[in-house]
Amino acid sequence: MRAPRVTPHRTANRPLRTTLPAVALLCLAPALTPTPPASADDTRPTARTAAPPRTGTEPGAEPVRTWTADLTGVDEDDAGVRHADGALRPTGDGPLDGSARAGGGHGVQVLAPHTLDRPVDRVWAEPVADVPAGAAITVEVRGRAGTGPWTEWREAGTDETTAALLPRAVTTVQVRLTLRDATGRLAVRGLKLSADTDPNAPEEPGTTAAYTARVFATREGLVGHTTANGHVIRPNDHFVSLPSRRGLSRKGGREYSVRVCGPVRCETAPVWDVGPWNIRDDYWNPSSVRETFRDLPRGRPQAQAAYQDGHNGGRDGFGRRVLNPAGIDLADGTFHNVGLRDNGWVTVTFLWTTRSAPAPVSATSSATSSAKDAGAR
């Protein structure tokens, strides 16, 4: 059984043209990203403690790299956005937060990758935007070194203290913008990116095998609906949904894929949607870097813990009572191909969690997306 749709409450519009403060940048509207009851275990950590702000003039310090994003390149990778009158705007018909059945329509733009002249591992973003009351902008970044695999997506704040802290040094940075607005007045007129190296960053341990977990799978269905990355679901479709945007592939992409093994066979499928139940539960990551529910062990979805053990009072991150222990949704084609006839347990390998694996090949070959494809494969 799937979670019910949540319709967010919107407040009256109060247009504001400004550079967004960190709180508006890092958080979606409250109804869209509810947080479990406050506790020491449920706070959202960063991968490591950010270094204090610096000027770039300290002894031995490298200068901060800055660039201005091009927001005009809306193409097939994107959904629910348009660039008009000098600004990026939501169209009002964008996707929901996928199989989590939460949130309202939002727009997503994945920018072309930007290559730097030296490695960085900390990125922050300064949008200039008209933001009416109840609207929100989320900036997420990821990176890669050379032709290696992408890091997961991380939310980026407006300065060094709220910067996205990537798990390793990268030379190419890519940005994903998510716009949420029920009024049609949200407009992003500019976006400045800055990056440097956190001097306190620990080395990411190398891994030789991708992480594998046994989780409960449900069938997504929802043919004709739109996933969190903008894909329109087709009959007998092949993709999966996981409850975190950190491992969400761009529209048509396969950079975050899983190998699902059911009763009959295994299938490798891309992550194109967000859910079930939660949208900030990257349970495949170690507890030290897990975005929420740090009290749970690696590999245990919060919905499973809520259903089986009463975690968070038996409720998900939205406060809804959890009706099954699902940690992954399977599109109809994948669901039937692995041999499931009803919801059941499967073995899932999160293929991007090994640094030794080659970068997966994108499924998109459109000429209009060539600039993004070149950096996203």
Protein backbone atom coordinates (compact mmCIF):
# COMPACT_ATOMS: atom_id res chain seq x y z
CA MET A 1 0.00 0.00 0.00
CA ARG A 2 1.38 3.34 -0.96
CA ALA A 3 1.43 6.48 1.15
CA PRO A 4 -1.37 8.99 0.51
CA ARG A 5 -0.78 12.19 -1.43
CA VAL A 6 0.08 15.22 0.68
CA THR A 7 -1.10 18.64 -0.45
CA PRO A 8 1.13 21.36 0.97
CA HIS A 9 -0.30 24.45 2.60
CA ARG A 10 0.69 27.65 0.82
CA THR A 11 0.80 31.07 2.38
CA ALA A 12 -0.08 34.39 0.80
CA ASN A 13 2.43 35.74 -1.67
CA ARG A 14 4.86 38.41 -0.64
CA PRO A 15 7.35 38.98 -3.50
CA LEU A 16 10.94 39.58 -2.49
CA ARG A 17 13.91 40.20 -4.72
CA THR A 18 17.02 39.25 -2.87
CA THR A 19 19.95 36.96 -2.57
CA LEU A 20 18.47 34.03 -0.67
CA PRO A 21 19.47 33.53 2.94
CA ALA A 22 20.80 30.13 3.89
CA VAL A 23 17.54 29.05 5.53
CA ALA A 24 15.55 29.59 2.34
CA LEU A 25 18.16 27.83 0.27
CA LEU A 26 18.65 24.74 2.38
CA CYS A 27 15.04 24.02 3.30
CA LEU A 28 12.00 23.31 1.20
CA ALA A 29 8.58 24.55 2.27
CA PRO A 30 7.67 23.02 5.67
CA ALA A 31 4.91 20.83 4.28
CA LEU A 32 7.29 19.50 1.69
CA THR A 33 10.18 18.49 3.89
CA PRO A 34 8.80 17.78 7.35
CA THR A 35 11.30 16.65 9.92
CA PRO A 36 10.73 13.86 12.44
CA PRO A 37 10.24 14.86 16.08
CA ALA A 38 13.42 16.52 17.29
CA SER A 39 15.99 14.30 18.95
CA ALA A 40 19.74 13.99 19.02
CA ASP A 41 19.53 11.03 16.69
CA ASP A 42 17.35 12.65 14.05
CA THR A 43 19.36 15.79 13.36
CA ARG A 44 20.62 16.08 9.83
CA PRO A 45 24.43 15.98 9.87
CA THR A 46 26.94 17.05 7.33
CA ALA A 47 29.56 14.56 6.21
CA ARG A 48 32.10 16.48 8.28
CA THR A 49 32.31 19.72 10.23
CA ALA A 50 32.79 22.71 7.97
CA ALA A 51 35.87 24.81 8.41
CA PRO A 52 35.29 28.40 9.61
CA PRO A 53 34.93 31.10 6.95
CA ARG A 54 38.18 32.36 5.49
CA THR A 55 39.20 35.11 3.13
CA GLY A 56 41.50 33.12 0.87
CA THR A 57 44.46 35.25 1.96
CA GLU A 58 45.65 33.04 4.83
CA PRO A 59 49.17 31.58 4.48
CA GLY A 60 49.06 28.68 2.05
CA ALA A 61 45.40 29.22 1.23
CA GLU A 62 44.23 28.69 -2.32
CA PRO A 63 41.92 31.31 -3.84
CA VAL A 64 38.22 30.53 -4.03
CA ARG A 65 37.00 29.55 -7.51
CA THR A 66 33.85 31.36 -8.62
CA TRP A 67 31.66 31.17 -11.70
CA THR A 68 28.21 32.25 -12.85
CA ALA A 69 25.76 29.56 -13.89
CA ASP A 70 24.02 29.65 -17.26
CA LEU A 71 20.31 29.21 -16.53
CA THR A 72 19.17 29.60 -20.14
CA GLY A 73 19.90 26.04 -21.25
CA VAL A 74 16.55 24.36 -20.49
CA ASP A 75 16.35 21.07 -22.38
CA GLU A 76 15.17 17.47 -22.20
CA ASP A 77 17.06 16.80 -18.96
CA ASP A 78 14.82 19.32 -17.19
CA ALA A 79 11.17 19.31 -16.14
CA GLY A 80 8.66 21.91 -15.07
CA VAL A 81 10.86 24.96 -15.74
CA ARG A 82 11.28 27.57 -18.46
CA HIS A 83 13.63 30.50 -19.01
CA ALA A 84 11.72 33.66 -19.89
CA ASP A 85 12.14 37.41 -19.35
CA GLY A 86 15.68 36.94 -18.07
CA ALA A 87 14.87 34.39 -15.36
CA LEU A 88 14.36 30.69 -14.70
CA ARG A 89 10.73 30.08 -13.68
CA PRO A 90 8.58 27.07 -12.76
CA THR A 91 5.88 26.23 -15.30
CA GLY A 92 3.42 25.05 -12.66
CA ASP A 93 3.03 21.57 -14.13
CA GLY A 94 6.20 19.95 -12.81
CA PRO A 95 6.55 16.58 -11.05
CA LEU A 96 5.62 15.61 -7.51
CA ASP A 97 8.13 14.14 -5.10
CA GLY A 98 7.51 10.89 -6.90
CA SER A 99 6.41 7.71 -5.22
CA ALA A 100 6.55 9.42 -1.82
CA ARG A 101 3.33 11.08 -3.07
CA ALA A 102 4.34 14.24 -1.26
CA GLY A 103 4.78 17.87 -2.09
CA GLY A 104 3.35 19.78 -4.97
CA GLY A 105 4.45 20.42 -8.50
CA HIS A 106 8.01 21.65 -8.75
CA GLY A 107 10.52 22.42 -11.47
CA VAL A 108 13.95 20.83 -11.89
CA GLN A 109 16.90 22.06 -13.94
CA VAL A 110 20.21 20.18 -14.17
CA LEU A 111 22.91 22.57 -15.34
CA ALA A 112 25.79 21.70 -17.63
CA PRO A 113 28.90 20.48 -15.74
CA HIS A 114 31.56 23.09 -14.91
CA THR A 115 35.24 22.10 -14.96
CA LEU A 116 37.70 23.78 -12.59
CA ASP A 117 41.47 24.20 -12.86
CA ARG A 118 42.13 22.48 -9.54
CA PRO A 119 40.34 20.08 -7.16
CA VAL A 120 37.68 21.33 -4.72
CA ASP A 121 35.44 19.62 -2.20
CA ARG A 122 33.29 22.46 -0.85
CA VAL A 123 30.71 24.39 -2.92
CA TRP A 124 28.26 27.14 -2.06
CA ALA A 125 25.70 29.02 -4.13
CA GLU A 126 24.31 32.57 -4.12
CA PRO A 127 21.07 32.92 -6.11
CA VAL A 128 19.52 36.25 -7.01
CA ALA A 129 15.79 35.63 -7.13
CA ASP A 130 12.26 36.88 -6.64
CA VAL A 131 10.92 34.54 -3.95
CA PRO A 132 7.25 34.96 -2.95
CA ALA A 133 6.07 33.73 0.43
CA GLY A 134 5.66 29.96 0.49
CA ALA A 135 8.06 29.40 -2.41
CA ALA A 136 11.51 27.88 -2.12
CA ILE A 137 14.67 27.18 -4.09
CA THR A 138 16.96 24.21 -3.41
CA VAL A 139 20.46 24.10 -4.88
CA GLU A 140 22.22 20.73 -4.93
CA VAL A 141 25.68 19.95 -6.25
CA ARG A 142 27.71 16.90 -7.10
CA GLY A 143 31.21 16.40 -8.48
CA ARG A 144 33.61 14.05 -10.16
CA ALA A 145 37.33 13.82 -10.80
CA GLY A 146 38.25 13.22 -14.43
CA THR A 147 36.03 10.50 -15.87
CA GLY A 148 35.37 8.88 -12.50
CA PRO A 149 31.93 8.37 -10.97
CA TRP A 150 29.85 11.23 -9.62
CA THR A 151 29.53 11.84 -5.91
CA GLU A 152 26.00 11.88 -4.55
CA TRP A 153 24.07 15.15 -4.60
CA ARG A 154 24.48 17.46 -1.59
CA GLU A 155 22.51 20.62 -0.71
CA ALA A 156 24.52 23.83 -0.98
CA GLY A 157 24.02 26.87 1.22
CA THR A 158 24.95 30.47 0.55
CA ASP A 159 28.37 30.63 2.24
CA GLU A 160 31.25 28.47 3.45
CA THR A 161 29.54 27.60 6.74
CA THR A 162 26.54 26.08 4.93
CA ALA A 163 28.40 24.84 1.86
CA ALA A 164 27.88 21.43 0.30
CA LEU A 165 30.69 19.22 1.59
CA LEU A 166 31.53 16.62 -1.02
CA PRO A 167 33.01 13.30 0.12
CA ARG A 168 36.11 13.68 -2.05
CA ALA A 169 37.98 16.27 -4.09
CA VAL A 170 36.55 16.83 -7.57
CA THR A 171 37.48 18.83 -10.66
CA THR A 172 34.02 18.96 -12.27
CA VAL A 173 30.95 20.33 -10.50
CA GLN A 174 27.33 20.00 -11.60
CA VAL A 175 24.34 21.87 -10.14
CA ARG A 176 20.70 20.84 -9.82
CA LEU A 177 18.10 23.54 -9.13
CA THR A 178 14.68 22.67 -7.72
CA LEU A 179 12.04 25.41 -7.75
CA ARG A 180 8.82 25.12 -5.73
CA ASP A 181 6.10 27.71 -6.12
CA ALA A 182 2.31 27.66 -6.30
CA THR A 183 2.02 31.31 -7.34
CA GLY A 184 3.97 31.35 -10.60
CA ARG A 185 5.98 34.36 -9.38
CA LEU A 186 9.22 32.61 -8.38
CA ALA A 187 12.03 33.76 -10.68
CA VAL A 188 15.74 32.96 -10.45
CA ARG A 189 17.63 35.73 -12.24
CA GLY A 190 21.17 34.64 -11.47
CA LEU A 191 23.26 32.06 -9.67
CA LYS A 192 26.85 32.50 -8.52
CA LEU A 193 28.81 29.39 -7.50
CA SER A 194 31.95 29.33 -5.35
CA ALA A 195 34.20 26.41 -4.49
CA ASP A 196 37.34 25.71 -2.52
CA THR A 197 39.02 22.96 -0.51
CA ASP A 198 38.13 22.36 3.12
CA PRO A 199 41.49 22.07 4.92
CA ASN A 200 39.90 19.85 7.59
CA ALA A 201 38.45 17.32 5.15
CA PRO A 202 39.33 13.70 5.92
CA GLU A 203 40.20 11.34 3.12
CA GLU A 204 37.27 9.30 1.86
CA PRO A 205 38.02 5.61 2.36
CA GLY A 206 38.22 3.67 -0.88
CA THR A 207 35.74 0.85 -1.45
CA THR A 208 36.11 -2.18 -3.68
CA ALA A 209 32.53 -3.44 -3.55
CA ALA A 210 29.22 -1.62 -3.83
CA TYR A 211 26.99 -1.74 -0.77
CA THR A 212 24.20 -4.37 -0.72
CA ALA A 213 21.13 -4.58 1.52
CA ARG A 214 18.01 -6.72 1.85
CA VAL A 215 14.94 -4.45 1.70
CA PHE A 216 11.19 -4.68 1.20
CA ALA A 217 10.00 -3.70 -2.29
CA THR A 218 6.63 -2.39 -3.41
CA ARG A 219 5.27 -1.86 -6.93
CA GLU A 220 5.18 1.78 -7.99
CA GLY A 221 2.56 1.67 -10.74
CA LEU A 222 1.38 5.27 -11.34
CA VAL A 223 1.47 4.93 -15.15
CA GLY A 224 1.09 8.37 -16.72
CA HIS A 225 2.35 10.18 -13.63
CA THR A 226 5.65 12.05 -13.53
CA THR A 227 8.60 11.01 -11.38
CA ALA A 228 10.74 13.34 -9.27
CA ASN A 229 13.28 13.76 -12.12
CA GLY A 230 10.62 14.52 -14.73
CA HIS A 231 10.22 11.09 -16.37
CA VAL A 232 6.66 10.26 -17.43
CA ILE A 233 5.91 6.71 -16.28
CA ARG A 234 5.05 4.25 -19.07
CA PRO A 235 3.47 0.79 -18.97
CA ASN A 236 6.03 -1.91 -18.18
CA ASP A 237 8.61 0.73 -17.28
CA HIS A 238 12.03 -0.13 -15.83
CA PHE A 239 13.39 2.07 -13.02
CA VAL A 240 13.34 2.27 -9.23
CA SER A 241 12.55 4.82 -6.54
CA LEU A 242 14.63 5.38 -3.40
CA PRO A 243 13.70 7.62 -0.45
CA SER A 244 16.39 10.28 -0.96
CA ARG A 245 17.27 12.81 -3.66
CA ARG A 246 20.96 12.18 -3.00
CA GLY A 247 20.87 9.21 -5.37
CA LEU A 248 18.39 10.57 -7.93
CA SER A 249 19.59 10.33 -11.54
CA ARG A 250 18.86 13.16 -13.94
CA LYS A 251 15.98 12.64 -16.36
CA GLY A 252 16.93 9.77 -18.69
CA GLY A 253 20.26 9.19 -16.89
CA ARG A 254 21.68 6.09 -15.24
CA GLU A 255 24.46 7.58 -13.13
CA TYR A 256 22.75 6.26 -9.98
CA SER A 257 21.59 2.70 -10.62
CA VAL A 258 20.86 -0.35 -8.51
CA ARG A 259 20.96 -4.08 -9.11
CA VAL A 260 17.73 -5.62 -7.81
CA CYS A 261 17.60 -9.38 -7.26
CA GLY A 262 14.19 -10.97 -6.71
CA PRO A 263 12.88 -14.54 -6.55
CA VAL A 264 13.56 -15.24 -10.26
CA ARG A 265 16.29 -12.97 -11.59
CA CYS A 266 18.24 -9.74 -11.17
CA GLU A 267 17.87 -6.47 -13.06
CA THR A 268 19.97 -3.32 -13.16
CA ALA A 269 17.74 -0.23 -13.18
CA PRO A 270 18.28 3.54 -12.78
CA VAL A 271 16.97 5.59 -9.86
CA TRP A 272 14.41 7.98 -11.35
CA ASP A 273 12.07 8.69 -8.46
CA VAL A 274 11.97 9.60 -4.76
CA GLY A 275 10.17 7.47 -2.15
CA PRO A 276 8.58 5.35 -0.79
CA TRP A 277 7.45 7.14 2.36
CA ASN A 278 10.48 9.36 3.02
CA ILE A 279 12.47 11.74 0.84
CA ARG A 280 15.56 12.29 3.06
CA ASP A 281 16.42 8.73 4.06
CA ASP A 282 19.66 7.67 2.32
CA TYR A 283 19.79 4.44 4.31
CA TRP A 284 22.52 2.94 2.08
CA ASN A 285 25.02 5.42 3.53
CA PRO A 286 26.85 4.96 6.85
CA SER A 287 25.08 6.55 9.82
CA SER A 288 27.83 9.17 10.10
CA VAL A 289 26.83 10.74 6.77
CA ARG A 290 23.16 9.71 6.61
CA GLU A 291 21.00 12.79 6.11
CA THR A 292 18.36 11.83 8.69
CA PHE A 293 17.61 9.00 11.17
CA ARG A 294 21.22 8.63 12.29
CA ASP A 295 20.16 6.30 15.09
CA LEU A 296 19.38 3.55 12.55
CA PRO A 297 22.06 1.17 11.24
CA ARG A 298 23.22 1.32 7.67
CA GLY A 299 20.95 -0.62 5.33
CA ARG A 300 17.79 -0.26 7.44
CA PRO A 301 15.19 2.08 5.87
CA GLN A 302 13.33 4.26 8.36
CA ALA A 303 9.98 3.00 7.05
CA GLN A 304 11.05 -0.55 7.90
CA ALA A 305 12.11 0.48 11.40
CA ALA A 306 8.86 2.40 11.88
CA TYR A 307 6.71 -0.52 10.71
CA GLN A 308 8.55 -3.28 12.53
CA ASP A 309 9.89 -1.55 15.64
CA GLY A 310 7.78 1.58 16.10
CA HIS A 311 10.65 3.94 15.23
CA ASN A 312 9.52 7.58 15.33
CA GLY A 313 6.22 6.45 16.82
CA GLY A 314 5.58 4.24 13.81
CA ARG A 315 5.51 7.25 11.50
CA ASP A 316 7.60 8.44 8.56
CA GLY A 317 9.35 11.78 8.20
CA PHE A 318 6.05 13.42 7.20
CA GLY A 319 4.30 12.17 10.33
CA ARG A 320 2.21 9.62 8.41
CA ARG A 321 1.65 6.19 9.93
CA VAL A 322 3.81 3.69 8.01
CA LEU A 323 1.68 0.90 6.53
CA ASN A 324 4.47 -1.29 5.13
CA PRO A 325 8.26 -1.57 5.57
CA ALA A 326 9.13 -0.50 2.01
CA GLY A 327 12.63 0.82 1.30
CA ILE A 328 12.36 0.74 -2.51
CA ASP A 329 9.63 1.09 -5.15
CA LEU A 330 9.97 -0.81 -8.42
CA ALA A 331 8.43 0.30 -11.70
CA ASP A 332 6.06 -2.29 -13.17
CA GLY A 333 8.54 -3.75 -15.67
CA THR A 334 11.27 -4.16 -13.08
CA PHE A 335 8.81 -5.50 -10.50
CA HIS A 336 7.63 -8.31 -12.78
CA ASN A 337 11.04 -8.99 -14.34
CA VAL A 338 12.69 -9.86 -11.02
CA GLY A 339 9.86 -12.31 -10.31
CA LEU A 340 7.66 -10.51 -7.79
CA ARG A 341 3.92 -11.17 -7.90
CA ASP A 342 3.23 -9.18 -4.76
CA ASN A 343 5.25 -6.81 -2.61
CA GLY A 344 8.19 -8.64 -1.10
CA TRP A 345 11.84 -8.74 -0.07
CA VAL A 346 14.62 -8.18 -2.60
CA THR A 347 18.39 -7.80 -2.48
CA VAL A 348 19.56 -4.38 -3.69
CA THR A 349 23.11 -3.36 -4.62
CA PHE A 350 23.69 0.39 -4.79
CA LEU A 351 26.13 0.45 -7.68
CA TRP A 352 27.44 4.00 -7.27
CA THR A 353 28.69 3.34 -3.72
CA THR A 354 31.97 1.91 -4.98
CA ARG A 355 34.66 4.28 -6.25
CA SER A 356 36.32 1.54 -8.28
CA ALA A 357 33.38 1.06 -10.65
CA PRO A 358 33.42 2.77 -14.07
CA ALA A 359 30.93 5.56 -14.60
CA PRO A 360 27.67 4.17 -16.07
CA VAL A 361 26.63 5.13 -19.59
CA SER A 362 23.72 7.54 -19.89
CA ALA A 363 20.52 6.38 -21.51
CA THR A 364 19.97 9.79 -23.06
CA SER A 365 21.36 10.43 -26.53
CA SER A 366 19.44 13.55 -27.51
CA ALA A 367 21.49 16.10 -29.39
CA THR A 368 19.79 18.89 -27.42
CA SER A 369 21.29 17.48 -24.21
CA SER A 370 24.77 16.87 -25.56
CA ALA A 371 26.54 19.39 -23.30
CA LYS A 372 25.07 17.84 -20.17
CA ASP A 373 25.49 14.29 -21.42
CA ALA A 374 29.19 14.87 -22.05
CA GLY A 375 29.72 15.59 -18.36
CA ALA A 376 27.09 13.30 -16.85
CA ARG A 377 28.12 9.96 -18.30
